[in-house]
Structures are given as structure tokens and as C-alpha cells.
Amino acid sequence: MEILMSIVVGILFTSATYLMLSRSLLRIIIGTGLLSHGAHLLILTMGGLKEGAAPLLGEDAASYVDPLPQALILTAIVISFGVTSFFLVLAYRSYQELGTDDMDLLRGNDQNE
């Protein structure tokens, strides 16, 4: 199962890199979202995909699941949601002011040269 998750993480990183290298601001935002999802899956995979009971003190179980990767992923999801919403508001405001989401036009480079 770890091999499959590693392949999925690689595909997510590859597609995120492709989207972040494009000229459209919306594609860059989608690329950063995919990159964060790939990082979440990478943390989960590196923590080990194990079966077991929840780590509660009152339960008697043969094996417990490590709660640290899940806590890290939950924190990373909240942070990536905040960053993505900030990027979306920033992109919407720049589109309202400048009328484009093309990165070359936002930089001030002329396309006709």
C-alpha cells in the first residue's frame, strides 16, 4: 500500500509543479493546493499505514496507531486552507484591479515585443 501511495504522491507533485509553472494565476493556486495535498499524503505514508485501535488509555488493544502523523496532517490542512483562501482573495482582488490573471501581464511585461 505504501508503494501505491508513493506513486500517487509523485503524480500529485508532478501535476502541481506543472500547474505552478503556468502563466495563469488560477492554475498556480490550484497547483499549490495539489502540492499541499501531496505533502499531506507524504506525511501519512511516511508515518506508516498501520491498522490498529485509537490510542486511548481506557481501551485494551493489541496494537495502537501512531497519532502524531494524523495531528501533523490536521494542522497542515488548516494552514493550507488558510493560505489557499488568502491566495484566492488576492487573485480576485488583482483581477478586479488589473483585469487579467496572466502572470506576464501582471509583471508588466509586454506581449507584443
C-alpha atoms as a PDB file:
ATOM      1  CA  MET A   1       0.000   0.000   0.000  1.00  0.00           C
ATOM      2  CA  GLU A   2       2.920   2.344   0.673  1.00  0.00           C
ATOM      3  CA  ILE A   3       4.155   1.893  -2.898  1.00  0.00           C
ATOM      4  CA  LEU A   4       0.773   2.929  -4.299  1.00  0.00           C
ATOM      5  CA  MET A   5       0.626   5.962  -2.011  1.00  0.00           C
ATOM      6  CA  SER A   6       4.165   6.944  -3.048  1.00  0.00           C
ATOM      7  CA  ILE A   7       3.162   6.792  -6.708  1.00  0.00           C
ATOM      8  CA  VAL A   8       0.076   8.935  -6.001  1.00  0.00           C
ATOM      9  CA  VAL A   9       2.257  11.459  -4.132  1.00  0.00           C
ATOM     10  CA  GLY A  10       4.635  11.586  -7.102  1.00  0.00           C
ATOM     11  CA  ILE A  11       1.767  12.178  -9.513  1.00  0.00           C
ATOM     12  CA  LEU A  12       0.383  14.947  -7.301  1.00  0.00           C
ATOM     13  CA  PHE A  13       3.797  16.621  -7.029  1.00  0.00           C
ATOM     14  CA  THR A  14       4.330  16.365 -10.793  1.00  0.00           C
ATOM     15  CA  SER A  15       0.954  17.835 -11.692  1.00  0.00           C
ATOM     16  CA  ALA A  16       1.341  20.567  -9.043  1.00  0.00           C
ATOM     17  CA  THR A  17       4.725  21.551 -10.445  1.00  0.00           C
ATOM     18  CA  TYR A  18       3.285  21.667 -13.961  1.00  0.00           C
ATOM     19  CA  LEU A  19       0.385  23.858 -12.844  1.00  0.00           C
ATOM     20  CA  MET A  20       2.579  26.192 -10.799  1.00  0.00           C
ATOM     21  CA  LEU A  21       4.841  26.813 -13.802  1.00  0.00           C
ATOM     22  CA  SER A  22       1.932  28.029 -15.953  1.00  0.00           C
ATOM     23  CA  ARG A  23       1.048  31.652 -16.623  1.00  0.00           C
ATOM     24  CA  SER A  24      -2.478  31.673 -15.223  1.00  0.00           C
ATOM     25  CA  LEU A  25      -2.856  32.785 -11.616  1.00  0.00           C
ATOM     26  CA  LEU A  26      -5.761  30.396 -11.024  1.00  0.00           C
ATOM     27  CA  ARG A  27      -3.668  27.436 -12.195  1.00  0.00           C
ATOM     28  CA  ILE A  28      -0.903  28.464  -9.815  1.00  0.00           C
ATOM     29  CA  ILE A  29      -3.385  28.461  -6.923  1.00  0.00           C
ATOM     30  CA  ILE A  30      -4.705  25.016  -7.914  1.00  0.00           C
ATOM     31  CA  GLY A  31      -1.086  23.830  -8.152  1.00  0.00           C
ATOM     32  CA  THR A  32      -0.322  24.973  -4.615  1.00  0.00           C
ATOM     33  CA  GLY A  33      -3.444  23.147  -3.414  1.00  0.00           C
ATOM     34  CA  LEU A  34      -2.336  19.949  -5.140  1.00  0.00           C
ATOM     35  CA  LEU A  35       1.144  20.351  -3.698  1.00  0.00           C
ATOM     36  CA  SER A  36      -0.249  20.624  -0.185  1.00  0.00           C
ATOM     37  CA  HIS A  37      -2.423  17.529  -0.723  1.00  0.00           C
ATOM     38  CA  GLY A  38       0.652  15.663  -1.911  1.00  0.00           C
ATOM     39  CA  ALA A  39       2.538  16.757   1.197  1.00  0.00           C
ATOM     40  CA  HIS A  40      -0.328  15.524   3.402  1.00  0.00           C
ATOM     41  CA  LEU A  41      -0.272  12.122   1.744  1.00  0.00           C
ATOM     42  CA  LEU A  42       3.517  12.025   2.017  1.00  0.00           C
ATOM     43  CA  ILE A  43       3.384  12.665   5.775  1.00  0.00           C
ATOM     44  CA  LEU A  44       0.726   9.983   6.164  1.00  0.00           C
ATOM     45  CA  THR A  45       2.704   7.479   4.105  1.00  0.00           C
ATOM     46  CA  MET A  46       5.992   8.173   5.896  1.00  0.00           C
ATOM     47  CA  GLY A  47       4.226   7.727   9.246  1.00  0.00           C
ATOM     48  CA  GLY A  48       3.290   4.231   8.162  1.00  0.00           C
ATOM     49  CA  LEU A  49      -0.076   2.893   7.129  1.00  0.00           C
ATOM     50  CA  LYS A  50      -0.924   0.678  10.080  1.00  0.00           C
ATOM     51  CA  GLU A  51      -4.076  -0.935  11.341  1.00  0.00           C
ATOM     52  CA  GLY A  52      -4.896  -0.697  14.994  1.00  0.00           C
ATOM     53  CA  ALA A  53      -7.043   0.895  17.627  1.00  0.00           C
ATOM     54  CA  ALA A  54      -7.152   4.556  18.500  1.00  0.00           C
ATOM     55  CA  PRO A  55      -4.554   5.492  21.126  1.00  0.00           C
ATOM     56  CA  LEU A  56      -6.932   5.844  24.077  1.00  0.00           C
ATOM     57  CA  LEU A  57      -5.904   4.930  27.595  1.00  0.00           C
ATOM     58  CA  GLY A  58      -9.073   3.070  28.579  1.00  0.00           C
ATOM     59  CA  GLU A  59      -9.020   0.583  25.709  1.00  0.00           C
ATOM     60  CA  ASP A  60      -7.064  -2.655  25.751  1.00  0.00           C
ATOM     61  CA  ALA A  61      -5.802  -3.318  22.241  1.00  0.00           C
ATOM     62  CA  ALA A  62      -3.022  -5.376  20.757  1.00  0.00           C
ATOM     63  CA  SER A  63      -1.675  -2.501  18.643  1.00  0.00           C
ATOM     64  CA  TYR A  64      -2.187   1.235  18.525  1.00  0.00           C
ATOM     65  CA  VAL A  65      -1.951   3.683  15.646  1.00  0.00           C
ATOM     66  CA  ASP A  66       0.596   6.496  15.937  1.00  0.00           C
ATOM     67  CA  PRO A  67      -1.371   9.761  16.392  1.00  0.00           C
ATOM     68  CA  LEU A  68       1.499  12.140  15.524  1.00  0.00           C
ATOM     69  CA  PRO A  69       1.235  11.985  11.670  1.00  0.00           C
ATOM     70  CA  GLN A  70      -2.517  12.477  11.901  1.00  0.00           C
ATOM     71  CA  ALA A  71      -2.079  15.528  14.132  1.00  0.00           C
ATOM     72  CA  LEU A  72       0.528  16.978  11.785  1.00  0.00           C
ATOM     73  CA  ILE A  73      -1.728  16.435   8.774  1.00  0.00           C
ATOM     74  CA  LEU A  74      -4.695  18.034  10.516  1.00  0.00           C
ATOM     75  CA  THR A  75      -2.593  21.099  11.320  1.00  0.00           C
ATOM     76  CA  ALA A  76      -1.258  21.221   7.761  1.00  0.00           C
ATOM     77  CA  ILE A  77      -4.796  21.014   6.331  1.00  0.00           C
ATOM     78  CA  VAL A  78      -5.893  24.018   8.379  1.00  0.00           C
ATOM     79  CA  ILE A  79      -2.820  26.019   7.356  1.00  0.00           C
ATOM     80  CA  SER A  80      -3.180  25.122   3.668  1.00  0.00           C
ATOM     81  CA  PHE A  81      -6.866  26.074   3.760  1.00  0.00           C
ATOM     82  CA  GLY A  82      -5.948  29.490   5.134  1.00  0.00           C
ATOM     83  CA  VAL A  83      -3.173  30.019   2.589  1.00  0.00           C
ATOM     84  CA  THR A  84      -5.387  28.905  -0.302  1.00  0.00           C
ATOM     85  CA  SER A  85      -8.208  31.218   0.751  1.00  0.00           C
ATOM     86  CA  PHE A  86      -5.711  34.100   1.026  1.00  0.00           C
ATOM     87  CA  PHE A  87      -4.386  33.313  -2.480  1.00  0.00           C
ATOM     88  CA  LEU A  88      -7.927  33.235  -3.877  1.00  0.00           C
ATOM     89  CA  VAL A  89      -8.829  36.593  -2.336  1.00  0.00           C
ATOM     90  CA  LEU A  90      -5.558  38.078  -3.564  1.00  0.00           C
ATOM     91  CA  ALA A  91      -6.129  36.737  -7.086  1.00  0.00           C
ATOM     92  CA  TYR A  92      -9.731  38.007  -7.142  1.00  0.00           C
ATOM     93  CA  ARG A  93      -8.643  41.464  -5.997  1.00  0.00           C
ATOM     94  CA  SER A  94      -5.830  41.636  -8.553  1.00  0.00           C
ATOM     95  CA  TYR A  95      -8.245  40.543 -11.277  1.00  0.00           C
ATOM     96  CA  GLN A  96     -10.653  43.304 -10.245  1.00  0.00           C
ATOM     97  CA  GLU A  97      -7.919  45.932 -10.334  1.00  0.00           C
ATOM     98  CA  LEU A  98      -5.940  44.827 -13.392  1.00  0.00           C
ATOM     99  CA  GLY A  99      -8.477  42.831 -15.416  1.00  0.00           C
ATOM    100  CA  THR A 100      -6.196  39.858 -16.080  1.00  0.00           C
ATOM    101  CA  ASP A 101      -4.784  36.779 -14.396  1.00  0.00           C
ATOM    102  CA  ASP A 102      -1.865  36.339 -16.812  1.00  0.00           C
ATOM    103  CA  MET A 103       1.385  36.467 -14.856  1.00  0.00           C
ATOM    104  CA  ASP A 104       3.313  38.158 -17.679  1.00  0.00           C
ATOM    105  CA  LEU A 105       0.779  40.966 -17.841  1.00  0.00           C
ATOM    106  CA  LEU A 106       0.733  41.262 -14.052  1.00  0.00           C
ATOM    107  CA  ARG A 107       4.517  41.706 -14.077  1.00  0.00           C
ATOM    108  CA  GLY A 108       4.213  44.479 -16.660  1.00  0.00           C
ATOM    109  CA  ASN A 109       5.946  42.635 -19.494  1.00  0.00           C
ATOM    110  CA  ASP A 110       4.543  43.461 -22.923  1.00  0.00           C
ATOM    111  CA  GLN A 111       3.459  40.547 -25.091  1.00  0.00           C
ATOM    112  CA  ASN A 112       3.810  42.488 -28.385  1.00  0.00           C
ATOM    113  CA  GLU A 113       7.607  42.918 -28.245  1.00  0.00           C
END
